[in-house]
């Protein structure tokens, strides 16, 4: 068995499929909170910059560019 076939077999053994209907909301079966969530966001952010071939922003936390947009109807 090739490495590719072995990995495919391993994936098939741990795969879970859940039936749903288009438009139904999805329930997150593994929510992440607190420090673990912040760590996950940091890892995903670094990975996305790396995959895009872009440098991480050089600005400080105090100078993060942001704007506040009023919610419609308020």
C-alpha atoms as a PDB file:
ATOM      1  CA  UNK A   1       0.000   0.000   0.000  1.00  0.00           C
ATOM      2  CA  UNK A   2       1.408   3.402  -0.984  1.00  0.00           C
ATOM      3  CA  UNK A   3       1.707   6.297   1.462  1.00  0.00           C
ATOM      4  CA  UNK A   4      -1.136   8.060  -0.381  1.00  0.00           C
ATOM      5  CA  UNK A   5      -3.409   5.018  -0.023  1.00  0.00           C
ATOM      6  CA  UNK A   6      -2.505   4.615   3.651  1.00  0.00           C
ATOM      7  CA  UNK A   7      -3.343   8.272   4.371  1.00  0.00           C
ATOM      8  CA  UNK A   8      -6.628   7.977   2.445  1.00  0.00           C
ATOM      9  CA  UNK A   9      -7.560   4.855   4.426  1.00  0.00           C
ATOM     10  CA  UNK A  10      -6.738   6.588   7.729  1.00  0.00           C
ATOM     11  CA  UNK A  11      -8.884   9.605   6.741  1.00  0.00           C
ATOM     12  CA  UNK A  12     -11.786   7.360   5.782  1.00  0.00           C
ATOM     13  CA  UNK A  13     -11.633   5.615   9.168  1.00  0.00           C
ATOM     14  CA  UNK A  14     -11.944   8.860  11.135  1.00  0.00           C
ATOM     15  CA  UNK A  15     -14.249  10.763   8.770  1.00  0.00           C
ATOM     16  CA  UNK A  16     -17.670  11.821  10.008  1.00  0.00           C
ATOM     17  CA  UNK A  17     -20.453  12.918   7.685  1.00  0.00           C
ATOM     18  CA  UNK A  18     -23.504  14.742   8.972  1.00  0.00           C
ATOM     19  CA  UNK A  19     -26.606  15.196   6.865  1.00  0.00           C
ATOM     20  CA  UNK A  20     -28.105  18.642   6.703  1.00  0.00           C
ATOM     21  CA  UNK A  21     -30.316  20.801   4.569  1.00  0.00           C
ATOM     22  CA  UNK A  22     -29.245  23.811   2.556  1.00  0.00           C
ATOM     23  CA  UNK A  23     -29.816  26.958   4.602  1.00  0.00           C
ATOM     24  CA  UNK A  24     -29.952  25.194   7.991  1.00  0.00           C
ATOM     25  CA  UNK A  25     -27.636  26.645  10.596  1.00  0.00           C
ATOM     26  CA  UNK A  26     -24.704  24.491  11.579  1.00  0.00           C
ATOM     27  CA  UNK A  27     -23.866  23.624  15.150  1.00  0.00           C
ATOM     28  CA  UNK A  28     -20.187  23.907  16.070  1.00  0.00           C
ATOM     29  CA  UNK A  29     -19.474  20.604  17.767  1.00  0.00           C
ATOM     30  CA  UNK A  30     -16.052  21.714  18.991  1.00  0.00           C
ATOM     31  CA  UNK A  31     -16.276  25.363  20.081  1.00  0.00           C
ATOM     32  CA  UNK A  32     -13.098  27.077  21.257  1.00  0.00           C
ATOM     33  CA  UNK A  33     -13.019  29.751  23.978  1.00  0.00           C
ATOM     34  CA  UNK A  34     -10.605  31.955  25.903  1.00  0.00           C
ATOM     35  CA  UNK A  35      -6.847  31.614  25.575  1.00  0.00           C
ATOM     36  CA  UNK A  36      -7.224  28.603  23.293  1.00  0.00           C
ATOM     37  CA  UNK A  37      -9.320  30.698  20.872  1.00  0.00           C
ATOM     38  CA  UNK A  38      -6.788  33.534  20.875  1.00  0.00           C
ATOM     39  CA  UNK A  39      -3.984  31.059  20.206  1.00  0.00           C
ATOM     40  CA  UNK A  40      -5.955  29.551  17.315  1.00  0.00           C
ATOM     41  CA  UNK A  41      -6.579  32.977  15.762  1.00  0.00           C
ATOM     42  CA  UNK A  42      -2.882  33.799  16.043  1.00  0.00           C
ATOM     43  CA  UNK A  43      -1.846  30.538  14.360  1.00  0.00           C
ATOM     44  CA  UNK A  44      -4.426  30.936  11.581  1.00  0.00           C
ATOM     45  CA  UNK A  45      -3.414  34.563  10.985  1.00  0.00           C
ATOM     46  CA  UNK A  46       0.283  33.696  10.741  1.00  0.00           C
ATOM     47  CA  UNK A  47      -0.497  30.770   8.438  1.00  0.00           C
ATOM     48  CA  UNK A  48      -2.655  32.933   6.148  1.00  0.00           C
ATOM     49  CA  UNK A  49       0.089  35.567   5.781  1.00  0.00           C
ATOM     50  CA  UNK A  50       2.632  32.832   5.116  1.00  0.00           C
ATOM     51  CA  UNK A  51       0.465  31.092   2.501  1.00  0.00           C
ATOM     52  CA  UNK A  52      -0.193  34.428   0.790  1.00  0.00           C
ATOM     53  CA  UNK A  53       3.547  35.105   0.692  1.00  0.00           C
ATOM     54  CA  UNK A  54       2.955  38.390   2.508  1.00  0.00           C
ATOM     55  CA  UNK A  55       4.899  39.890   5.392  1.00  0.00           C
ATOM     56  CA  UNK A  56       3.107  40.164   8.715  1.00  0.00           C
ATOM     57  CA  UNK A  57       1.979  43.725   9.481  1.00  0.00           C
ATOM     58  CA  UNK A  58       4.634  45.818  11.187  1.00  0.00           C
ATOM     59  CA  UNK A  59       2.325  48.161  13.106  1.00  0.00           C
ATOM     60  CA  UNK A  60       1.881  47.994  16.870  1.00  0.00           C
ATOM     61  CA  UNK A  61      -1.289  46.967  18.625  1.00  0.00           C
ATOM     62  CA  UNK A  62      -1.936  50.595  19.573  1.00  0.00           C
ATOM     63  CA  UNK A  63      -1.861  51.651  15.913  1.00  0.00           C
ATOM     64  CA  UNK A  64      -3.944  48.852  14.383  1.00  0.00           C
ATOM     65  CA  UNK A  65      -5.919  50.416  11.527  1.00  0.00           C
ATOM     66  CA  UNK A  66      -9.627  50.032  12.195  1.00  0.00           C
ATOM     67  CA  UNK A  67     -12.870  51.887  11.795  1.00  0.00           C
ATOM     68  CA  UNK A  68     -16.213  51.635  13.501  1.00  0.00           C
ATOM     69  CA  UNK A  69     -19.278  51.346  11.298  1.00  0.00           C
ATOM     70  CA  UNK A  70     -22.720  52.093  12.691  1.00  0.00           C
ATOM     71  CA  UNK A  71     -25.046  49.092  12.571  1.00  0.00           C
ATOM     72  CA  UNK A  72     -27.958  49.689  10.163  1.00  0.00           C
ATOM     73  CA  UNK A  73     -31.051  51.046  11.924  1.00  0.00           C
ATOM     74  CA  UNK A  74     -29.179  52.471  14.915  1.00  0.00           C
END
